[in-house]
Amino acid sequence: MKRFSSQICAIVLLCGLGAQLVLALTEDECTLKPEEVPVCCKEPKAKVDAKEDKGREELGKKCVENNAKGKKATTDDEEFQIAECVDECIFRDVFGYVNKKTNKLDETAIVNTFTKRFDGNSKWKEATQKVAKSCLGESGKDIKASSKCKSGALQFLRCYTRGVFLNCPAESWDNTPACNKLKTLVQKCPNVYTILQN
């Protein structure tokens, strides 16, 4: 049930911290241990305001404390629901990606992030905006009726990180046999869970 414990780490791509894409897979035939997964897609350094970033980090910690601290999940479904609520809080309170009135993902806010984040790098800007728009359309489809937090933040994030991995600009892709094999596996396994690593 540890597959969702790194969810907070995945937010770094969206908040503007420098990060590299790596992959952790779900517990089925597509499983790999995190230490077996090479870093294949290196994200360019983004423009980051250190003061603003520190404030976001503190808000992110509060989201984890308020939604996960002290909660003991006994099933994968319970753990998934905790992760949904942590991500929803981060998307809403840290980045403003969830409309507080409708509790829906804010497409304009999300797409604007990538416009600013990758200014000066047209390939990354184009790739991330395309993936973000596609994932915004898909994120609401996998929300269970029993979910407590229904914005689709976690579903968007999973879709987005997987999409960026699969659409990594050529100059950022590590064109090695190990990475190309991994990309084939990710294409074959639609439910893989991708995360980001600093």
N, C-alpha and C. Protein backbone atom coordinates (compact mmCIF):
# COMPACT_ATOMS: atom_id res chain seq x y z
N MET A 1 0.81 -1.20 0.00
CA MET A 1 0.00 0.00 0.00
C MET A 1 0.85 1.26 0.00
N LYS A 2 2.17 1.13 -0.18
CA LYS A 2 3.05 2.29 -0.15
C LYS A 2 3.06 3.03 -1.48
N ARG A 3 2.32 2.56 -2.48
CA ARG A 3 2.43 3.16 -3.80
C ARG A 3 1.94 4.59 -3.85
N PHE A 4 1.10 5.02 -2.89
CA PHE A 4 0.60 6.39 -2.92
C PHE A 4 1.35 7.30 -1.95
N SER A 5 2.28 6.74 -1.17
CA SER A 5 2.95 7.53 -0.15
C SER A 5 3.86 8.60 -0.73
N SER A 6 4.27 8.46 -1.98
CA SER A 6 5.13 9.45 -2.61
C SER A 6 4.35 10.50 -3.37
N GLN A 7 3.04 10.52 -3.19
CA GLN A 7 2.20 11.42 -3.97
C GLN A 7 2.64 12.87 -3.86
N ILE A 8 3.03 13.30 -2.68
CA ILE A 8 3.45 14.69 -2.50
C ILE A 8 4.65 15.01 -3.38
N CYS A 9 5.53 14.02 -3.60
CA CYS A 9 6.70 14.24 -4.44
C CYS A 9 6.31 14.52 -5.88
N ALA A 10 5.22 13.94 -6.32
CA ALA A 10 4.81 14.10 -7.71
C ALA A 10 4.38 15.53 -8.00
N ILE A 11 4.03 16.28 -6.99
CA ILE A 11 3.56 17.64 -7.18
C ILE A 11 4.69 18.56 -7.64
N VAL A 12 5.96 18.18 -7.46
CA VAL A 12 7.04 19.11 -7.76
C VAL A 12 7.04 19.57 -9.20
N LEU A 13 6.61 18.75 -10.13
CA LEU A 13 6.56 19.19 -11.52
C LEU A 13 5.61 20.36 -11.67
N LEU A 14 4.48 20.29 -11.00
CA LEU A 14 3.47 21.32 -11.13
C LEU A 14 3.83 22.58 -10.37
N CYS A 15 4.62 22.49 -9.32
CA CYS A 15 4.89 23.67 -8.50
C CYS A 15 6.13 24.42 -8.95
N GLY A 16 6.87 23.90 -9.91
CA GLY A 16 7.97 24.66 -10.45
C GLY A 16 9.33 24.30 -9.90
N LEU A 17 9.45 23.24 -9.13
CA LEU A 17 10.76 22.82 -8.67
C LEU A 17 11.45 22.06 -9.79
N GLY A 18 12.78 22.09 -9.83
CA GLY A 18 13.49 21.28 -10.81
C GLY A 18 13.26 19.82 -10.49
N ALA A 19 12.98 19.02 -11.49
CA ALA A 19 12.68 17.62 -11.23
C ALA A 19 13.04 16.77 -12.43
N GLN A 20 13.14 15.48 -12.19
CA GLN A 20 13.34 14.52 -13.26
C GLN A 20 12.24 13.50 -13.15
N LEU A 21 11.77 13.02 -14.30
CA LEU A 21 10.73 12.01 -14.29
C LEU A 21 11.34 10.64 -14.04
N VAL A 22 10.76 9.92 -13.12
CA VAL A 22 11.07 8.51 -12.92
C VAL A 22 9.76 7.78 -12.82
N LEU A 23 9.83 6.49 -12.65
CA LEU A 23 8.61 5.71 -12.72
C LEU A 23 8.55 4.69 -11.60
N ALA A 24 7.38 4.57 -11.00
CA ALA A 24 7.11 3.49 -10.05
C ALA A 24 5.83 2.84 -10.53
N LEU A 25 5.79 1.55 -10.62
CA LEU A 25 4.67 0.86 -11.24
C LEU A 25 3.74 0.25 -10.21
N THR A 26 2.50 0.00 -10.62
CA THR A 26 1.52 -0.59 -9.73
C THR A 26 1.85 -2.05 -9.46
N GLU A 27 1.16 -2.63 -8.47
CA GLU A 27 1.48 -3.98 -8.02
C GLU A 27 0.75 -5.04 -8.84
N ASP A 28 1.10 -5.17 -10.10
CA ASP A 28 0.54 -6.22 -10.94
C ASP A 28 1.68 -6.72 -11.83
N GLU A 29 1.36 -7.25 -13.00
CA GLU A 29 2.41 -7.78 -13.87
C GLU A 29 3.35 -6.69 -14.37
N CYS A 30 3.00 -5.45 -14.17
CA CYS A 30 3.84 -4.33 -14.62
C CYS A 30 4.74 -3.80 -13.51
N THR A 31 4.89 -4.52 -12.44
CA THR A 31 5.62 -4.02 -11.28
C THR A 31 7.14 -4.02 -11.48
N LEU A 32 7.74 -2.92 -11.09
CA LEU A 32 9.19 -2.79 -10.98
C LEU A 32 9.49 -2.15 -9.64
N LYS A 33 10.63 -2.49 -9.06
CA LYS A 33 11.05 -1.82 -7.84
C LYS A 33 11.58 -0.44 -8.23
N PRO A 34 11.30 0.60 -7.42
CA PRO A 34 11.76 1.95 -7.78
C PRO A 34 13.25 2.02 -8.08
N GLU A 35 14.07 1.25 -7.36
CA GLU A 35 15.52 1.30 -7.60
C GLU A 35 15.92 0.67 -8.94
N GLU A 36 15.01 -0.06 -9.56
CA GLU A 36 15.29 -0.68 -10.87
C GLU A 36 14.91 0.24 -12.03
N VAL A 37 14.32 1.38 -11.72
CA VAL A 37 13.79 2.26 -12.76
C VAL A 37 14.78 3.39 -13.06
N PRO A 38 15.27 3.44 -14.31
CA PRO A 38 16.21 4.51 -14.65
C PRO A 38 15.49 5.85 -14.83
N VAL A 39 16.22 6.95 -14.66
CA VAL A 39 15.69 8.28 -14.97
C VAL A 39 15.87 8.46 -16.47
N CYS A 40 14.77 8.58 -17.19
CA CYS A 40 14.82 8.59 -18.66
C CYS A 40 14.48 9.92 -19.29
N CYS A 41 13.71 10.74 -18.60
CA CYS A 41 13.26 12.01 -19.17
C CYS A 41 13.65 13.13 -18.22
N LYS A 42 14.63 13.93 -18.61
CA LYS A 42 15.13 14.99 -17.75
C LYS A 42 14.45 16.31 -18.10
N GLU A 43 13.72 16.80 -17.13
CA GLU A 43 13.00 18.05 -17.31
C GLU A 43 13.97 19.22 -17.21
N PRO A 44 13.82 20.23 -18.08
CA PRO A 44 14.69 21.40 -17.98
C PRO A 44 14.40 22.19 -16.70
N LYS A 45 15.40 22.93 -16.27
CA LYS A 45 15.18 23.77 -15.09
C LYS A 45 14.12 24.81 -15.39
N ALA A 46 13.25 24.98 -14.44
CA ALA A 46 12.15 25.93 -14.61
C ALA A 46 12.44 27.19 -13.81
N LYS A 47 11.72 28.25 -14.19
CA LYS A 47 11.83 29.50 -13.44
C LYS A 47 11.09 29.33 -12.12
N VAL A 48 11.81 29.50 -11.02
CA VAL A 48 11.22 29.27 -9.71
C VAL A 48 11.50 30.46 -8.80
N ASP A 49 10.48 30.94 -8.14
CA ASP A 49 10.63 31.98 -7.13
C ASP A 49 10.82 31.26 -5.79
N ALA A 50 12.03 31.33 -5.23
CA ALA A 50 12.36 30.56 -4.03
C ALA A 50 11.45 30.89 -2.86
N LYS A 51 11.11 32.16 -2.68
CA LYS A 51 10.25 32.56 -1.57
C LYS A 51 8.84 31.98 -1.74
N GLU A 52 8.32 32.09 -2.95
CA GLU A 52 7.00 31.55 -3.24
C GLU A 52 7.00 30.03 -3.09
N ASP A 53 8.11 29.42 -3.51
CA ASP A 53 8.24 27.97 -3.43
C ASP A 53 8.24 27.49 -1.99
N LYS A 54 8.89 28.22 -1.10
CA LYS A 54 8.93 27.86 0.32
C LYS A 54 7.53 27.90 0.91
N GLY A 55 6.77 28.91 0.55
CA GLY A 55 5.39 29.01 1.03
C GLY A 55 4.54 27.85 0.56
N ARG A 56 4.74 27.44 -0.69
CA ARG A 56 4.00 26.30 -1.22
C ARG A 56 4.36 25.02 -0.49
N GLU A 57 5.63 24.88 -0.17
CA GLU A 57 6.07 23.68 0.55
C GLU A 57 5.37 23.58 1.91
N GLU A 58 5.28 24.70 2.60
CA GLU A 58 4.61 24.71 3.91
C GLU A 58 3.13 24.37 3.78
N LEU A 59 2.46 24.95 2.79
CA LEU A 59 1.04 24.63 2.57
C LEU A 59 0.86 23.16 2.21
N GLY A 60 1.79 22.63 1.42
CA GLY A 60 1.73 21.21 1.04
C GLY A 60 1.85 20.31 2.26
N LYS A 61 2.73 20.67 3.18
CA LYS A 61 2.88 19.88 4.42
C LYS A 61 1.59 19.90 5.23
N LYS A 62 0.93 21.05 5.27
CA LYS A 62 -0.35 21.14 5.99
C LYS A 62 -1.40 20.23 5.36
N CYS A 63 -1.40 20.17 4.04
CA CYS A 63 -2.36 19.28 3.35
C CYS A 63 -2.12 17.83 3.74
N VAL A 64 -0.87 17.44 3.82
CA VAL A 64 -0.54 16.06 4.21
C VAL A 64 -0.96 15.84 5.66
N GLU A 65 -0.63 16.77 6.54
CA GLU A 65 -0.99 16.63 7.96
C GLU A 65 -2.50 16.55 8.14
N ASN A 66 -3.24 17.40 7.47
CA ASN A 66 -4.69 17.45 7.65
C ASN A 66 -5.43 16.27 7.04
N ASN A 67 -4.84 15.66 6.02
CA ASN A 67 -5.55 14.60 5.30
C ASN A 67 -4.98 13.20 5.49
N ALA A 68 -3.74 13.10 5.96
CA ALA A 68 -3.12 11.77 6.04
C ALA A 68 -2.54 11.43 7.40
N LYS A 69 -2.08 12.43 8.13
CA LYS A 69 -1.40 12.15 9.40
C LYS A 69 -2.33 11.45 10.38
N GLY A 70 -1.85 10.35 10.92
CA GLY A 70 -2.62 9.61 11.91
C GLY A 70 -3.67 8.68 11.34
N LYS A 71 -3.85 8.71 10.02
CA LYS A 71 -4.85 7.82 9.40
C LYS A 71 -4.17 6.53 8.99
N LYS A 72 -4.73 5.43 9.40
CA LYS A 72 -4.19 4.11 9.08
C LYS A 72 -5.09 3.44 8.04
N ALA A 73 -4.62 3.38 6.83
CA ALA A 73 -5.39 2.72 5.77
C ALA A 73 -5.19 1.21 5.90
N THR A 74 -6.29 0.48 5.86
CA THR A 74 -6.20 -0.98 5.96
C THR A 74 -6.39 -1.65 4.60
N THR A 75 -6.78 -0.88 3.60
CA THR A 75 -6.94 -1.42 2.25
C THR A 75 -6.32 -0.45 1.24
N ASP A 76 -6.06 -0.96 0.05
CA ASP A 76 -5.55 -0.09 -1.02
C ASP A 76 -6.55 1.01 -1.34
N ASP A 77 -7.84 0.68 -1.30
CA ASP A 77 -8.88 1.67 -1.59
C ASP A 77 -8.85 2.81 -0.58
N GLU A 78 -8.69 2.49 0.69
CA GLU A 78 -8.61 3.54 1.72
C GLU A 78 -7.37 4.40 1.51
N GLU A 79 -6.26 3.76 1.18
CA GLU A 79 -5.03 4.52 0.96
C GLU A 79 -5.17 5.43 -0.27
N PHE A 80 -5.83 4.91 -1.30
CA PHE A 80 -6.06 5.69 -2.51
C PHE A 80 -6.92 6.91 -2.18
N GLN A 81 -7.95 6.73 -1.35
CA GLN A 81 -8.82 7.85 -0.99
C GLN A 81 -8.07 8.91 -0.18
N ILE A 82 -7.16 8.49 0.68
CA ILE A 82 -6.34 9.45 1.42
C ILE A 82 -5.50 10.25 0.43
N ALA A 83 -4.88 9.56 -0.53
CA ALA A 83 -4.05 10.23 -1.54
C ALA A 83 -4.89 11.20 -2.37
N GLU A 84 -6.13 10.81 -2.70
CA GLU A 84 -7.02 11.71 -3.45
C GLU A 84 -7.24 13.01 -2.68
N CYS A 85 -7.45 12.90 -1.38
CA CYS A 85 -7.73 14.09 -0.56
C CYS A 85 -6.48 14.95 -0.37
N VAL A 86 -5.32 14.31 -0.22
CA VAL A 86 -4.07 15.07 -0.11
C VAL A 86 -3.85 15.86 -1.41
N ASP A 87 -3.98 15.19 -2.54
CA ASP A 87 -3.76 15.86 -3.82
C ASP A 87 -4.78 16.96 -4.07
N GLU A 88 -6.03 16.71 -3.71
CA GLU A 88 -7.06 17.74 -3.90
C GLU A 88 -6.72 18.97 -3.08
N CYS A 89 -6.29 18.78 -1.85
CA CYS A 89 -5.91 19.89 -0.98
C CYS A 89 -4.73 20.66 -1.58
N ILE A 90 -3.73 19.94 -2.06
CA ILE A 90 -2.55 20.59 -2.65
C ILE A 90 -2.95 21.36 -3.91
N PHE A 91 -3.72 20.73 -4.75
CA PHE A 91 -4.15 21.41 -5.98
C PHE A 91 -4.99 22.64 -5.66
N ARG A 92 -5.84 22.57 -4.65
CA ARG A 92 -6.74 23.68 -4.29
C ARG A 92 -6.00 24.76 -3.50
N ASP A 93 -5.36 24.38 -2.39
CA ASP A 93 -4.82 25.36 -1.45
C ASP A 93 -3.42 25.84 -1.78
N VAL A 94 -2.63 25.01 -2.46
CA VAL A 94 -1.25 25.39 -2.77
C VAL A 94 -1.16 26.07 -4.13
N PHE A 95 -1.84 25.52 -5.12
CA PHE A 95 -1.68 26.03 -6.49
C PHE A 95 -2.90 26.73 -7.07
N GLY A 96 -4.05 26.59 -6.46
CA GLY A 96 -5.26 27.18 -7.01
C GLY A 96 -5.75 26.47 -8.26
N TYR A 97 -5.45 25.18 -8.36
CA TYR A 97 -5.85 24.39 -9.53
C TYR A 97 -7.26 23.81 -9.40
N VAL A 98 -7.85 23.91 -8.22
CA VAL A 98 -9.21 23.42 -8.01
C VAL A 98 -10.07 24.62 -7.65
N ASN A 99 -11.13 24.83 -8.40
CA ASN A 99 -12.06 25.92 -8.14
C ASN A 99 -12.76 25.64 -6.81
N LYS A 100 -12.64 26.56 -5.86
CA LYS A 100 -13.19 26.34 -4.52
C LYS A 100 -14.72 26.30 -4.50
N LYS A 101 -15.36 26.92 -5.46
CA LYS A 101 -16.83 26.91 -5.50
C LYS A 101 -17.38 25.63 -6.12
N THR A 102 -16.76 25.20 -7.22
CA THR A 102 -17.28 24.03 -7.94
C THR A 102 -16.58 22.73 -7.57
N ASN A 103 -15.40 22.84 -6.95
CA ASN A 103 -14.55 21.69 -6.63
C ASN A 103 -14.14 20.91 -7.88
N LYS A 104 -14.00 21.63 -8.99
CA LYS A 104 -13.55 21.04 -10.26
C LYS A 104 -12.17 21.59 -10.59
N LEU A 105 -11.39 20.82 -11.36
CA LEU A 105 -10.09 21.30 -11.79
C LEU A 105 -10.26 22.54 -12.66
N ASP A 106 -9.38 23.51 -12.47
CA ASP A 106 -9.42 24.77 -13.21
C ASP A 106 -8.46 24.69 -14.39
N GLU A 107 -9.00 24.42 -15.56
CA GLU A 107 -8.18 24.22 -16.76
C GLU A 107 -7.29 25.42 -17.04
N THR A 108 -7.84 26.61 -16.93
CA THR A 108 -7.07 27.82 -17.23
C THR A 108 -5.86 27.95 -16.31
N ALA A 109 -6.06 27.75 -15.02
CA ALA A 109 -4.95 27.86 -14.06
C ALA A 109 -3.87 26.82 -14.33
N ILE A 110 -4.29 25.60 -14.64
CA ILE A 110 -3.32 24.53 -14.89
C ILE A 110 -2.53 24.81 -16.17
N VAL A 111 -3.21 25.12 -17.25
CA VAL A 111 -2.51 25.36 -18.52
C VAL A 111 -1.62 26.60 -18.43
N ASN A 112 -2.06 27.64 -17.72
CA ASN A 112 -1.22 28.84 -17.55
C ASN A 112 0.08 28.53 -16.82
N THR A 113 0.03 27.58 -15.90
CA THR A 113 1.24 27.19 -15.18
C THR A 113 2.31 26.72 -16.16
N PHE A 114 1.92 25.90 -17.13
CA PHE A 114 2.90 25.37 -18.07
C PHE A 114 3.36 26.42 -19.07
N THR A 115 2.49 27.37 -19.36
CA THR A 115 2.88 28.46 -20.25
C THR A 115 4.01 29.25 -19.61
N LYS A 116 3.87 29.58 -18.33
CA LYS A 116 4.90 30.33 -17.62
C LYS A 116 6.11 29.47 -17.30
N ARG A 117 5.85 28.25 -16.86
CA ARG A 117 6.92 27.36 -16.40
C ARG A 117 7.94 27.06 -17.49
N PHE A 118 7.47 26.86 -18.70
CA PHE A 118 8.38 26.48 -19.77
C PHE A 118 8.53 27.58 -20.82
N ASP A 119 8.35 28.84 -20.42
CA ASP A 119 8.61 29.96 -21.33
C ASP A 119 10.05 29.85 -21.80
N GLY A 120 10.27 29.98 -23.08
CA GLY A 120 11.63 29.88 -23.60
C GLY A 120 12.00 28.47 -24.03
N ASN A 121 11.14 27.49 -23.79
CA ASN A 121 11.41 26.12 -24.22
C ASN A 121 10.15 25.60 -24.91
N SER A 122 10.06 25.88 -26.20
CA SER A 122 8.82 25.60 -26.93
C SER A 122 8.45 24.12 -26.96
N LYS A 123 9.44 23.23 -27.03
CA LYS A 123 9.13 21.80 -27.10
C LYS A 123 8.50 21.31 -25.80
N TRP A 124 9.07 21.73 -24.66
CA TRP A 124 8.50 21.31 -23.38
C TRP A 124 7.15 21.98 -23.13
N LYS A 125 7.06 23.23 -23.51
CA LYS A 125 5.80 23.96 -23.33
C LYS A 125 4.68 23.28 -24.12
N GLU A 126 4.97 22.96 -25.37
CA GLU A 126 3.98 22.31 -26.23
C GLU A 126 3.62 20.92 -25.70
N ALA A 127 4.63 20.14 -25.32
CA ALA A 127 4.37 18.77 -24.84
C ALA A 127 3.55 18.78 -23.55
N THR A 128 3.91 19.63 -22.60
CA THR A 128 3.20 19.62 -21.32
C THR A 128 1.79 20.19 -21.44
N GLN A 129 1.62 21.23 -22.27
CA GLN A 129 0.28 21.78 -22.45
C GLN A 129 -0.64 20.76 -23.12
N LYS A 130 -0.12 20.06 -24.12
CA LYS A 130 -0.91 19.05 -24.82
C LYS A 130 -1.34 17.94 -23.86
N VAL A 131 -0.39 17.45 -23.06
CA VAL A 131 -0.70 16.39 -22.09
C VAL A 131 -1.68 16.90 -21.04
N ALA A 132 -1.45 18.12 -20.54
CA ALA A 132 -2.34 18.67 -19.51
C ALA A 132 -3.77 18.78 -20.02
N LYS A 133 -3.95 19.30 -21.23
CA LYS A 133 -5.30 19.44 -21.79
C LYS A 133 -5.97 18.08 -21.97
N SER A 134 -5.21 17.11 -22.44
CA SER A 134 -5.75 15.76 -22.62
C SER A 134 -6.16 15.16 -21.28
N CYS A 135 -5.30 15.32 -20.28
CA CYS A 135 -5.58 14.73 -18.97
C CYS A 135 -6.73 15.43 -18.25
N LEU A 136 -6.90 16.72 -18.51
CA LEU A 136 -8.05 17.42 -17.92
C LEU A 136 -9.35 16.80 -18.39
N GLY A 137 -9.37 16.36 -19.63
CA GLY A 137 -10.56 15.72 -20.17
C GLY A 137 -10.79 14.31 -19.64
N GLU A 138 -9.71 13.67 -19.20
CA GLU A 138 -9.80 12.28 -18.73
C GLU A 138 -9.93 12.15 -17.22
N SER A 139 -9.50 13.16 -16.47
CA SER A 139 -9.33 13.01 -15.02
C SER A 139 -10.60 12.70 -14.25
N GLY A 140 -11.75 13.12 -14.74
CA GLY A 140 -12.99 12.86 -14.01
C GLY A 140 -13.56 11.47 -14.20
N LYS A 141 -13.03 10.74 -15.17
CA LYS A 141 -13.60 9.44 -15.52
C LYS A 141 -13.32 8.33 -14.50
N ASP A 142 -12.23 8.44 -13.76
CA ASP A 142 -11.84 7.37 -12.84
C ASP A 142 -12.17 7.66 -11.39
N ILE A 143 -13.03 8.63 -11.14
CA ILE A 143 -13.39 8.96 -9.76
C ILE A 143 -14.53 8.05 -9.32
N LYS A 144 -14.32 7.36 -8.21
CA LYS A 144 -15.35 6.44 -7.71
C LYS A 144 -16.44 7.21 -6.98
N ALA A 145 -17.64 6.67 -7.01
CA ALA A 145 -18.76 7.29 -6.31
C ALA A 145 -18.49 7.37 -4.81
N SER A 146 -17.72 6.41 -4.30
CA SER A 146 -17.43 6.36 -2.86
C SER A 146 -16.32 7.32 -2.43
N SER A 147 -15.65 7.96 -3.39
CA SER A 147 -14.55 8.87 -3.06
C SER A 147 -15.04 10.05 -2.24
N LYS A 148 -14.23 10.46 -1.27
CA LYS A 148 -14.56 11.63 -0.46
C LYS A 148 -14.12 12.91 -1.17
N CYS A 149 -13.06 12.82 -1.93
CA CYS A 149 -12.49 13.98 -2.62
C CYS A 149 -12.59 13.73 -4.12
N LYS A 150 -13.44 14.49 -4.80
CA LYS A 150 -13.83 14.16 -6.17
C LYS A 150 -13.40 15.17 -7.23
N SER A 151 -12.38 15.97 -6.95
CA SER A 151 -11.95 16.96 -7.94
C SER A 151 -11.25 16.32 -9.13
N GLY A 152 -10.65 15.16 -8.92
CA GLY A 152 -9.88 14.50 -9.98
C GLY A 152 -8.42 14.90 -9.98
N ALA A 153 -7.94 15.54 -8.90
CA ALA A 153 -6.55 15.98 -8.84
C ALA A 153 -5.58 14.81 -8.96
N LEU A 154 -5.79 13.75 -8.20
CA LEU A 154 -4.90 12.60 -8.25
C LEU A 154 -4.94 11.95 -9.63
N GLN A 155 -6.13 11.81 -10.18
CA GLN A 155 -6.28 11.19 -11.49
C GLN A 155 -5.58 12.04 -12.56
N PHE A 156 -5.71 13.36 -12.46
CA PHE A 156 -5.02 14.24 -13.40
C PHE A 156 -3.52 14.06 -13.28
N LEU A 157 -3.02 14.05 -12.05
CA LEU A 157 -1.58 13.96 -11.82
C LEU A 157 -1.01 12.66 -12.37
N ARG A 158 -1.70 11.55 -12.14
CA ARG A 158 -1.24 10.26 -12.67
C ARG A 158 -1.20 10.29 -14.20
N CYS A 159 -2.25 10.79 -14.80
CA CYS A 159 -2.33 10.89 -16.26
C CYS A 159 -1.23 11.81 -16.79
N TYR A 160 -1.05 12.94 -16.14
CA TYR A 160 -0.09 13.94 -16.60
C TYR A 160 1.34 13.42 -16.55
N THR A 161 1.76 12.84 -15.42
CA THR A 161 3.14 12.39 -15.31
C THR A 161 3.42 11.25 -16.28
N ARG A 162 2.46 10.37 -16.47
CA ARG A 162 2.61 9.29 -17.45
C ARG A 162 2.69 9.86 -18.87
N GLY A 163 1.82 10.83 -19.17
CA GLY A 163 1.81 11.44 -20.49
C GLY A 163 3.09 12.17 -20.82
N VAL A 164 3.65 12.88 -19.85
CA VAL A 164 4.91 13.59 -20.08
C VAL A 164 6.03 12.58 -20.30
N PHE A 165 6.03 11.49 -19.53
CA PHE A 165 7.04 10.45 -19.72
C PHE A 165 6.98 9.91 -21.16
N LEU A 166 5.78 9.61 -21.63
CA LEU A 166 5.62 9.02 -22.96
C LEU A 166 5.85 10.03 -24.09
N ASN A 167 5.71 11.32 -23.80
CA ASN A 167 5.87 12.37 -24.81
C ASN A 167 7.08 13.24 -24.54
N CYS A 168 8.05 12.70 -23.85
CA CYS A 168 9.25 13.46 -23.50
C CYS A 168 9.94 13.96 -24.77
N PRO A 169 10.25 15.26 -24.85
CA PRO A 169 10.97 15.78 -26.02
C PRO A 169 12.29 15.02 -26.23
N ALA A 170 12.62 14.78 -27.48
CA ALA A 170 13.77 13.94 -27.84
C ALA A 170 15.07 14.38 -27.17
N GLU A 171 15.30 15.70 -27.08
CA GLU A 171 16.56 16.17 -26.50
C GLU A 171 16.65 15.92 -24.99
N SER A 172 15.53 15.61 -24.37
CA SER A 172 15.51 15.33 -22.93
C SER A 172 15.44 13.84 -22.62
N TRP A 173 15.25 13.03 -23.64
CA TRP A 173 15.09 11.58 -23.46
C TRP A 173 16.45 10.89 -23.46
N ASP A 174 16.67 10.00 -22.51
CA ASP A 174 17.88 9.20 -22.44
C ASP A 174 17.66 7.97 -23.33
N ASN A 175 18.16 8.05 -24.54
CA ASN A 175 17.88 7.04 -25.56
C ASN A 175 18.76 5.80 -25.37
N THR A 176 18.55 5.11 -24.25
CA THR A 176 19.29 3.90 -23.94
C THR A 176 18.36 2.70 -24.06
N PRO A 177 18.91 1.50 -24.19
CA PRO A 177 18.04 0.31 -24.24
C PRO A 177 17.14 0.20 -23.01
N ALA A 178 17.67 0.52 -21.83
CA ALA A 178 16.87 0.40 -20.60
C ALA A 178 15.68 1.36 -20.63
N CYS A 179 15.90 2.60 -21.07
CA CYS A 179 14.81 3.58 -21.10
C CYS A 179 13.80 3.25 -22.19
N ASN A 180 14.28 2.79 -23.33
CA ASN A 180 13.35 2.44 -24.41
C ASN A 180 12.51 1.22 -24.04
N LYS A 181 13.11 0.28 -23.32
CA LYS A 181 12.37 -0.89 -22.82
C LYS A 181 11.31 -0.43 -21.82
N LEU A 182 11.69 0.51 -20.96
CA LEU A 182 10.75 1.03 -19.97
C LEU A 182 9.59 1.75 -20.65
N LYS A 183 9.88 2.53 -21.68
CA LYS A 183 8.82 3.24 -22.40
C LYS A 183 7.82 2.24 -23.01
N THR A 184 8.33 1.16 -23.56
CA THR A 184 7.45 0.13 -24.12
C THR A 184 6.56 -0.46 -23.04
N LEU A 185 7.14 -0.69 -21.86
CA LEU A 185 6.37 -1.23 -20.74
C LEU A 185 5.28 -0.25 -20.30
N VAL A 186 5.62 1.03 -20.23
CA VAL A 186 4.65 2.05 -19.82
C VAL A 186 3.51 2.14 -20.85
N GLN A 187 3.84 2.02 -22.13
CA GLN A 187 2.80 2.03 -23.17
C GLN A 187 1.88 0.82 -23.03
N LYS A 188 2.45 -0.31 -22.65
CA LYS A 188 1.68 -1.55 -22.52
C LYS A 188 0.82 -1.56 -21.27
N CYS A 189 1.25 -0.90 -20.24
CA CYS A 189 0.59 -0.94 -18.93
C CYS A 189 -0.09 0.39 -18.66
N PRO A 190 -1.36 0.53 -18.99
CA PRO A 190 -2.04 1.82 -18.85
C PRO A 190 -2.23 2.29 -17.42
N ASN A 191 -2.10 1.40 -16.45
CA ASN A 191 -2.34 1.80 -15.06
C ASN A 191 -1.06 2.02 -14.27
N VAL A 192 0.04 2.24 -14.95
CA VAL A 192 1.27 2.51 -14.23
C VAL A 192 1.13 3.83 -13.48
N TYR A 193 1.85 3.94 -12.39
CA TYR A 193 1.81 5.13 -11.56
C TYR A 193 3.16 5.81 -11.65
N THR A 194 3.23 6.96 -12.24
CA THR A 194 4.49 7.67 -12.39
C THR A 194 4.63 8.75 -11.33
N ILE A 195 5.85 8.97 -10.88
CA ILE A 195 6.12 10.01 -9.89
C ILE A 195 7.29 10.85 -10.38
N LEU A 196 7.57 11.91 -9.67
CA LEU A 196 8.68 12.78 -9.98
C LEU A 196 9.69 12.72 -8.86
N GLN A 197 10.94 12.92 -9.23
CA GLN A 197 12.00 12.91 -8.23
C GLN A 197 12.87 14.13 -8.43
N ASN A 198 13.21 14.80 -7.33
CA ASN A 198 14.11 15.96 -7.44
C ASN A 198 15.49 15.51 -7.83
